[in-house]
C-alpha atoms as a PDB file:
ATOM      1  CA  MET A   1      19.667  -0.589 -36.025  1.00  0.00           C
ATOM      2  CA  THR A   2      16.438  -2.413 -36.756  1.00  0.00           C
ATOM      3  CA  ILE A   3      16.560  -4.544 -39.863  1.00  0.00           C
ATOM      4  CA  ALA A   4      13.496  -5.941 -41.593  1.00  0.00           C
ATOM      5  CA  VAL A   5      14.075  -8.991 -43.766  1.00  0.00           C
ATOM      6  CA  ILE A   6      11.269  -9.781 -46.223  1.00  0.00           C
ATOM      7  CA  LEU A   7      11.353 -13.463 -47.172  1.00  0.00           C
ATOM      8  CA  ALA A   8      10.237 -13.775 -50.761  1.00  0.00           C
ATOM      9  CA  GLY A   9      11.817 -17.011 -51.912  1.00  0.00           C
ATOM     10  CA  GLY A  10       8.623 -18.962 -52.424  1.00  0.00           C
ATOM     11  CA  THR A  11       7.458 -20.098 -55.841  1.00  0.00           C
ATOM     12  CA  GLY A  12       3.755 -20.087 -55.006  1.00  0.00           C
ATOM     13  CA  LYS A  13       2.906 -23.444 -56.536  1.00  0.00           C
ATOM     14  CA  ARG A  14      -0.418 -23.670 -54.667  1.00  0.00           C
ATOM     15  CA  MET A  15      -1.472 -20.341 -56.217  1.00  0.00           C
ATOM     16  CA  GLY A  16      -1.175 -21.867 -59.679  1.00  0.00           C
ATOM     17  CA  ALA A  17       0.103 -18.629 -61.237  1.00  0.00           C
ATOM     18  CA  GLN A  18       2.790 -18.092 -63.876  1.00  0.00           C
ATOM     19  CA  VAL A  19       4.927 -16.019 -61.454  1.00  0.00           C
ATOM     20  CA  PRO A  20       5.647 -16.399 -57.722  1.00  0.00           C
ATOM     21  CA  LYS A  21       2.640 -15.135 -55.771  1.00  0.00           C
ATOM     22  CA  GLN A  22       4.558 -12.225 -54.232  1.00  0.00           C
ATOM     23  CA  PHE A  23       4.608 -10.685 -57.799  1.00  0.00           C
ATOM     24  CA  LEU A  24       0.889 -11.067 -58.391  1.00  0.00           C
ATOM     25  CA  LYS A  25      -0.813  -7.710 -58.848  1.00  0.00           C
ATOM     26  CA  VAL A  26      -3.750  -6.553 -56.806  1.00  0.00           C
ATOM     27  CA  GLY A  27      -4.886  -3.314 -58.306  1.00  0.00           C
ATOM     28  CA  GLU A  28      -1.835  -1.266 -59.254  1.00  0.00           C
ATOM     29  CA  LYS A  29       0.627  -2.960 -56.856  1.00  0.00           C
ATOM     30  CA  THR A  30       2.161  -6.415 -56.470  1.00  0.00           C
ATOM     31  CA  ILE A  31       1.718  -8.256 -53.186  1.00  0.00           C
ATOM     32  CA  ILE A  32       5.338  -7.678 -52.195  1.00  0.00           C
ATOM     33  CA  GLU A  33       4.895  -3.955 -52.663  1.00  0.00           C
ATOM     34  CA  PHE A  34       2.064  -3.908 -50.144  1.00  0.00           C
ATOM     35  CA  THR A  35       4.337  -5.799 -47.701  1.00  0.00           C
ATOM     36  CA  ILE A  36       7.399  -3.564 -48.170  1.00  0.00           C
ATOM     37  CA  ASP A  37       5.188  -0.457 -47.866  1.00  0.00           C
ATOM     38  CA  ALA A  38       4.232  -1.573 -44.344  1.00  0.00           C
ATOM     39  CA  PHE A  39       7.890  -1.706 -43.227  1.00  0.00           C
ATOM     40  CA  GLU A  40       8.952   1.391 -45.208  1.00  0.00           C
ATOM     41  CA  GLN A  41       6.332   3.431 -43.389  1.00  0.00           C
ATOM     42  CA  ASN A  42       7.130   2.068 -39.935  1.00  0.00           C
ATOM     43  CA  ALA A  43       9.080   4.675 -37.912  1.00  0.00           C
ATOM     44  CA  LEU A  44      11.092   1.984 -36.017  1.00  0.00           C
ATOM     45  CA  VAL A  45      12.450   0.184 -39.027  1.00  0.00           C
ATOM     46  CA  ASP A  46      15.815   1.452 -40.310  1.00  0.00           C
ATOM     47  CA  THR A  47      16.724  -0.897 -43.115  1.00  0.00           C
ATOM     48  CA  ILE A  48      14.840  -3.417 -45.360  1.00  0.00           C
ATOM     49  CA  ALA A  49      16.339  -6.383 -47.236  1.00  0.00           C
ATOM     50  CA  VAL A  50      14.508  -8.705 -49.572  1.00  0.00           C
ATOM     51  CA  VAL A  51      15.486 -12.351 -49.883  1.00  0.00           C
ATOM     52  CA  MET A  52      14.500 -14.126 -53.092  1.00  0.00           C
ATOM     53  CA  HIS A  53      15.565 -16.489 -55.873  1.00  0.00           C
ATOM     54  CA  GLN A  54      18.177 -14.962 -58.172  1.00  0.00           C
ATOM     55  CA  ASP A  55      15.907 -15.500 -61.177  1.00  0.00           C
ATOM     56  CA  TYR A  56      13.699 -12.680 -59.933  1.00  0.00           C
ATOM     57  CA  PHE A  57      16.405 -10.148 -58.987  1.00  0.00           C
ATOM     58  CA  THR A  58      15.738  -8.080 -62.080  1.00  0.00           C
ATOM     59  CA  THR A  59      11.984  -8.036 -61.434  1.00  0.00           C
ATOM     60  CA  MET A  60      12.635  -6.854 -57.875  1.00  0.00           C
ATOM     61  CA  GLU A  61      15.199  -4.284 -58.986  1.00  0.00           C
ATOM     62  CA  ASN A  62      12.629  -2.826 -61.419  1.00  0.00           C
ATOM     63  CA  ILE A  63       9.984  -2.624 -58.687  1.00  0.00           C
ATOM     64  CA  ILE A  64      12.489  -0.841 -56.347  1.00  0.00           C
ATOM     65  CA  ALA A  65      13.525   1.569 -59.122  1.00  0.00           C
ATOM     66  CA  ASN A  66       9.929   2.590 -59.696  1.00  0.00           C
ATOM     67  CA  SER A  67       9.134   2.985 -55.965  1.00  0.00           C
ATOM     68  CA  LYS A  68       9.560   5.788 -53.499  1.00  0.00           C
ATOM     69  CA  TRP A  69      11.196   3.548 -50.905  1.00  0.00           C
ATOM     70  CA  ASN A  70      14.263   4.815 -49.011  1.00  0.00           C
ATOM     71  CA  LYS A  71      14.889   1.903 -46.704  1.00  0.00           C
ATOM     72  CA  VAL A  72      15.339  -0.982 -49.124  1.00  0.00           C
ATOM     73  CA  ARG A  73      19.108  -1.506 -49.123  1.00  0.00           C
ATOM     74  CA  ALA A  74      19.646  -5.072 -50.445  1.00  0.00           C
ATOM     75  CA  ILE A  75      18.363  -8.001 -52.444  1.00  0.00           C
ATOM     76  CA  ILE A  76      19.800 -11.201 -51.089  1.00  0.00           C
ATOM     77  CA  SER A  77      19.912 -14.598 -52.780  1.00  0.00           C
ATOM     78  CA  GLY A  78      17.537 -17.115 -51.188  1.00  0.00           C
ATOM     79  CA  GLY A  79      18.247 -20.724 -50.459  1.00  0.00           C
ATOM     80  CA  THR A  80      16.587 -24.094 -51.138  1.00  0.00           C
ATOM     81  CA  GLU A  81      14.608 -23.908 -47.854  1.00  0.00           C
ATOM     82  CA  ARG A  82      13.186 -21.027 -45.908  1.00  0.00           C
ATOM     83  CA  SER A  83      15.834 -21.531 -43.241  1.00  0.00           C
ATOM     84  CA  ASP A  84      18.531 -21.142 -45.889  1.00  0.00           C
ATOM     85  CA  SER A  85      17.086 -17.795 -46.918  1.00  0.00           C
ATOM     86  CA  SER A  86      16.964 -16.597 -43.332  1.00  0.00           C
ATOM     87  CA  TYR A  87      20.543 -17.636 -42.730  1.00  0.00           C
ATOM     88  CA  ASN A  88      21.717 -15.916 -45.932  1.00  0.00           C
ATOM     89  CA  ALA A  89      20.241 -12.667 -44.533  1.00  0.00           C
ATOM     90  CA  ILE A  90      21.912 -13.229 -41.179  1.00  0.00           C
ATOM     91  CA  ARG A  91      25.307 -13.701 -42.892  1.00  0.00           C
ATOM     92  CA  PHE A  92      24.664 -10.586 -45.022  1.00  0.00           C
ATOM     93  CA  PHE A  93      24.211  -8.458 -41.902  1.00  0.00           C
ATOM     94  CA  SER A  94      26.957 -10.162 -39.885  1.00  0.00           C
ATOM     95  CA  ASN A  95      28.588  -6.762 -39.088  1.00  0.00           C
ATOM     96  CA  HIS A  96      25.510  -5.614 -37.226  1.00  0.00           C
ATOM     97  CA  LYS A  97      25.819  -7.702 -34.097  1.00  0.00           C
ATOM     98  CA  ASP A  98      23.870  -5.270 -31.914  1.00  0.00           C
ATOM     99  CA  ALA A  99      20.935  -5.015 -34.353  1.00  0.00           C
ATOM    100  CA  LYS A 100      17.332  -6.049 -33.969  1.00  0.00           C
ATOM    101  CA  ILE A 101      16.290  -8.223 -36.901  1.00  0.00           C
ATOM    102  CA  ILE A 102      12.733  -8.963 -38.048  1.00  0.00           C
ATOM    103  CA  PHE A 103      11.748 -11.782 -40.450  1.00  0.00           C
ATOM    104  CA  HIS A 104       8.465 -11.409 -42.339  1.00  0.00           C
ATOM    105  CA  ASP A 105       6.753 -13.398 -45.088  1.00  0.00           C
ATOM    106  CA  ALA A 106       6.499 -11.369 -48.319  1.00  0.00           C
ATOM    107  CA  VAL A 107       3.021 -12.817 -48.784  1.00  0.00           C
ATOM    108  CA  ARG A 108       1.621 -11.419 -45.501  1.00  0.00           C
ATOM    109  CA  PRO A 109       0.862  -8.005 -47.009  1.00  0.00           C
ATOM    110  CA  MET A 110      -1.748  -6.936 -44.437  1.00  0.00           C
ATOM    111  CA  VAL A 111       0.665  -6.724 -41.470  1.00  0.00           C
ATOM    112  CA  SER A 112      -0.236  -3.762 -39.345  1.00  0.00           C
ATOM    113  CA  ASP A 113       2.003  -0.958 -38.192  1.00  0.00           C
ATOM    114  CA  SER A 114       1.164  -1.863 -34.598  1.00  0.00           C
ATOM    115  CA  ALA A 115       2.248  -5.494 -35.099  1.00  0.00           C
ATOM    116  CA  ILE A 116       5.647  -4.318 -36.343  1.00  0.00           C
ATOM    117  CA  ASP A 117       5.945  -1.846 -33.448  1.00  0.00           C
ATOM    118  CA  ASN A 118       5.023  -4.478 -30.912  1.00  0.00           C
ATOM    119  CA  VAL A 119       7.643  -7.042 -31.888  1.00  0.00           C
ATOM    120  CA  ILE A 120      10.420  -4.419 -32.172  1.00  0.00           C
ATOM    121  CA  LYS A 121       9.611  -2.903 -28.718  1.00  0.00           C
ATOM    122  CA  ALA A 122       9.385  -6.418 -27.231  1.00  0.00           C
ATOM    123  CA  LEU A 123      13.065  -6.919 -28.065  1.00  0.00           C
ATOM    124  CA  ASP A 124      13.895  -4.366 -25.350  1.00  0.00           C
ATOM    125  CA  ARG A 125      12.895  -7.092 -22.923  1.00  0.00           C
ATOM    126  CA  PHE A 126      13.383 -10.359 -24.768  1.00  0.00           C
ATOM    127  CA  ASN A 127      15.855 -11.851 -27.284  1.00  0.00           C
ATOM    128  CA  ALA A 128      13.218 -13.673 -29.399  1.00  0.00           C
ATOM    129  CA  VAL A 129       9.654 -12.721 -30.178  1.00  0.00           C
ATOM    130  CA  MET A 130       6.866 -14.590 -31.991  1.00  0.00           C
ATOM    131  CA  THR A 131       3.593 -13.210 -33.345  1.00  0.00           C
ATOM    132  CA  ALA A 132       0.704 -15.663 -32.918  1.00  0.00           C
ATOM    133  CA  ILE A 133      -3.042 -15.887 -32.491  1.00  0.00           C
ATOM    134  CA  PRO A 134      -5.077 -18.394 -30.473  1.00  0.00           C
ATOM    135  CA  THR A 135      -6.628 -21.172 -32.552  1.00  0.00           C
ATOM    136  CA  THR A 136     -10.460 -21.327 -32.525  1.00  0.00           C
ATOM    137  CA  ASP A 137     -10.479 -24.780 -34.097  1.00  0.00           C
ATOM    138  CA  THR A 138      -9.853 -28.055 -32.485  1.00  0.00           C
ATOM    139  CA  ILE A 139      -6.557 -29.484 -33.791  1.00  0.00           C
ATOM    140  CA  ALA A 140      -6.030 -33.227 -34.238  1.00  0.00           C
ATOM    141  CA  VAL A 141      -2.573 -34.841 -34.470  1.00  0.00           C
ATOM    142  CA  ALA A 142      -2.781 -37.345 -37.296  1.00  0.00           C
ATOM    143  CA  GLU A 143      -0.724 -40.479 -37.941  1.00  0.00           C
ATOM    144  CA  GLY A 144      -1.260 -42.933 -40.772  1.00  0.00           C
ATOM    145  CA  GLY A 145      -4.630 -41.458 -41.663  1.00  0.00           C
ATOM    146  CA  PHE A 146      -5.968 -41.760 -38.047  1.00  0.00           C
ATOM    147  CA  VAL A 147      -6.266 -39.442 -35.078  1.00  0.00           C
ATOM    148  CA  LYS A 148      -3.366 -39.897 -32.763  1.00  0.00           C
ATOM    149  CA  SER A 149      -4.286 -37.275 -30.230  1.00  0.00           C
ATOM    150  CA  ILE A 150      -6.313 -34.146 -29.806  1.00  0.00           C
ATOM    151  CA  PRO A 151      -4.429 -31.438 -27.750  1.00  0.00           C
ATOM    152  CA  ASP A 152      -6.213 -28.919 -25.653  1.00  0.00           C
ATOM    153  CA  ARG A 153      -6.798 -26.022 -28.038  1.00  0.00           C
ATOM    154  CA  ASN A 154      -6.377 -23.592 -25.240  1.00  0.00           C
ATOM    155  CA  THR A 155      -2.643 -24.305 -25.356  1.00  0.00           C
ATOM    156  CA  LEU A 156      -2.377 -23.959 -29.164  1.00  0.00           C
ATOM    157  CA  MET A 157      -1.661 -20.890 -31.233  1.00  0.00           C
ATOM    158  CA  ARG A 158      -1.359 -20.151 -34.950  1.00  0.00           C
ATOM    159  CA  VAL A 159       2.054 -18.678 -35.717  1.00  0.00           C
ATOM    160  CA  GLN A 160       2.446 -15.672 -37.920  1.00  0.00           C
ATOM    161  CA  THR A 161       5.159 -13.275 -38.845  1.00  0.00           C
ATOM    162  CA  PRO A 162       6.764 -10.852 -38.111  1.00  0.00           C
ATOM    163  CA  GLN A 163       9.137 -12.695 -35.818  1.00  0.00           C
ATOM    164  CA  ALA A 164      11.895 -10.654 -34.258  1.00  0.00           C
ATOM    165  CA  PHE A 165      15.242 -11.351 -32.628  1.00  0.00           C
ATOM    166  CA  ARG A 166      18.324  -9.798 -31.129  1.00  0.00           C
ATOM    167  CA  PHE A 167      20.805 -10.475 -33.889  1.00  0.00           C
ATOM    168  CA  GLU A 168      23.300 -12.451 -31.798  1.00  0.00           C
ATOM    169  CA  THR A 169      20.503 -14.736 -30.570  1.00  0.00           C
ATOM    170  CA  ILE A 170      19.186 -15.799 -33.981  1.00  0.00           C
ATOM    171  CA  LYS A 171      22.714 -16.088 -35.318  1.00  0.00           C
ATOM    172  CA  GLU A 172      23.773 -18.365 -32.510  1.00  0.00           C
ATOM    173  CA  ALA A 173      20.739 -20.566 -33.016  1.00  0.00           C
ATOM    174  CA  TYR A 174      21.368 -20.941 -36.702  1.00  0.00           C
ATOM    175  CA  ASP A 175      25.121 -21.493 -36.224  1.00  0.00           C
ATOM    176  CA  ILE A 176      24.293 -24.463 -33.952  1.00  0.00           C
ATOM    177  CA  ALA A 177      21.471 -25.702 -36.302  1.00  0.00           C
ATOM    178  CA  LEU A 178      23.774 -25.843 -39.249  1.00  0.00           C
ATOM    179  CA  THR A 179      26.049 -28.337 -37.409  1.00  0.00           C
ATOM    180  CA  ASP A 180      23.052 -30.706 -37.143  1.00  0.00           C
ATOM    181  CA  PRO A 181      22.892 -32.970 -40.259  1.00  0.00           C
ATOM    182  CA  GLY A 182      19.196 -33.552 -39.613  1.00  0.00           C
ATOM    183  CA  PHE A 183      18.316 -29.874 -39.419  1.00  0.00           C
ATOM    184  CA  VAL A 184      14.857 -29.183 -40.816  1.00  0.00           C
ATOM    185  CA  CYS A 185      12.836 -26.134 -39.840  1.00  0.00           C
ATOM    186  CA  THR A 186      10.214 -23.934 -41.422  1.00  0.00           C
ATOM    187  CA  ASP A 187      10.080 -21.207 -38.804  1.00  0.00           C
ATOM    188  CA  ASP A 188      12.770 -18.946 -37.312  1.00  0.00           C
ATOM    189  CA  CYS A 189      11.393 -19.080 -33.771  1.00  0.00           C
ATOM    190  CA  GLY A 190      11.481 -22.925 -34.213  1.00  0.00           C
ATOM    191  CA  VAL A 191      15.210 -22.701 -34.730  1.00  0.00           C
ATOM    192  CA  VAL A 192      15.695 -20.822 -31.476  1.00  0.00           C
ATOM    193  CA  LYS A 193      13.334 -23.153 -29.600  1.00  0.00           C
ATOM    194  CA  LYS A 194      15.176 -26.283 -30.786  1.00  0.00           C
ATOM    195  CA  TYR A 195      18.789 -25.148 -30.575  1.00  0.00           C
ATOM    196  CA  LEU A 196      18.624 -22.622 -27.731  1.00  0.00           C
ATOM    197  CA  PRO A 197      15.985 -24.336 -25.595  1.00  0.00           C
ATOM    198  CA  ASP A 198      16.647 -22.151 -22.499  1.00  0.00           C
ATOM    199  CA  GLU A 199      16.038 -18.970 -24.457  1.00  0.00           C
ATOM    200  CA  PRO A 200      12.473 -17.633 -23.770  1.00  0.00           C
ATOM    201  CA  ILE A 201      10.402 -16.802 -26.811  1.00  0.00           C
ATOM    202  CA  ALA A 202       7.878 -14.132 -26.059  1.00  0.00           C
ATOM    203  CA  ILE A 203       4.488 -14.338 -27.770  1.00  0.00           C
ATOM    204  CA  ILE A 204       2.917 -11.111 -29.038  1.00  0.00           C
ATOM    205  CA  ARG A 205      -0.760 -11.265 -29.951  1.00  0.00           C
ATOM    206  CA  GLY A 206      -1.160 -11.240 -33.730  1.00  0.00           C
ATOM    207  CA  ASP A 207      -3.958 -10.088 -35.978  1.00  0.00           C
ATOM    208  CA  GLU A 208      -6.593 -12.258 -37.854  1.00  0.00           C
ATOM    209  CA  ARG A 209      -6.185  -9.987 -40.915  1.00  0.00           C
ATOM    210  CA  ASN A 210      -2.481 -10.830 -41.125  1.00  0.00           C
ATOM    211  CA  ILE A 211      -3.040 -13.867 -43.315  1.00  0.00           C
ATOM    212  CA  LYS A 212      -0.540 -15.515 -45.585  1.00  0.00           C
ATOM    213  CA  ILE A 213      -1.698 -15.288 -49.191  1.00  0.00           C
ATOM    214  CA  THR A 214      -1.676 -18.911 -50.315  1.00  0.00           C
ATOM    215  CA  TYR A 215      -4.645 -19.614 -52.617  1.00  0.00           C
ATOM    216  CA  PRO A 216      -6.298 -17.429 -55.311  1.00  0.00           C
ATOM    217  CA  GLU A 217      -9.335 -16.842 -53.082  1.00  0.00           C
ATOM    218  CA  ASP A 218      -7.090 -15.182 -50.446  1.00  0.00           C
ATOM    219  CA  LEU A 219      -6.517 -12.201 -52.770  1.00  0.00           C
ATOM    220  CA  LYS A 220      -9.990 -10.911 -52.031  1.00  0.00           C
ATOM    221  CA  TYR A 221      -8.911  -9.962 -48.517  1.00  0.00           C
ATOM    222  CA  LEU A 222      -6.160  -7.686 -49.856  1.00  0.00           C
ATOM    223  CA  LYS A 223      -8.680  -5.899 -52.063  1.00  0.00           C
ATOM    224  CA  GLU A 224     -10.861  -4.943 -49.082  1.00  0.00           C
END
């Protein structure tokens, strides 16, 4: 089984809207509908789950009821942090130990079918897969308002989702992470890297169009 988990727990404060940005409409559809459509239409995805704050369960249930989706099987309560939401999904699917599981940001609605295919197929060879694109900008490490260092940009990549895992790998990483009182992480591959340091994380080339909708001006890209 291949499970796609759509992470929709954000409140979208930087967007400045009255509702979380995943529920903003672009034309006739909300952002999250564009995102779920991409996974619904992908031939390799079997099941879709949405993770979000309980306050918006009814909103999501109404969207699902008015859709033609067949793969959306669950709405799962999110947590305080992104990592909490991911782990709630892992616990929900704990009976599917042989599954492939994909995590994707609800506000990356322009994910391509090929990007989804590529991370799923990569799990035939690896246990953890990241989507990323090379940075074209020079990146400075800042400390106290000053430049601490400037890494070689040829070694740097901008991380995207989807990120994909063999279920047992990501579960083991999170099980270890949750024993660490100082655990803080904003990225699922980051959990594997920190707590299963010997586990290779394959990088699949991402797509410049697969942006994360963050600010109002980002909506214009979805309209194109």
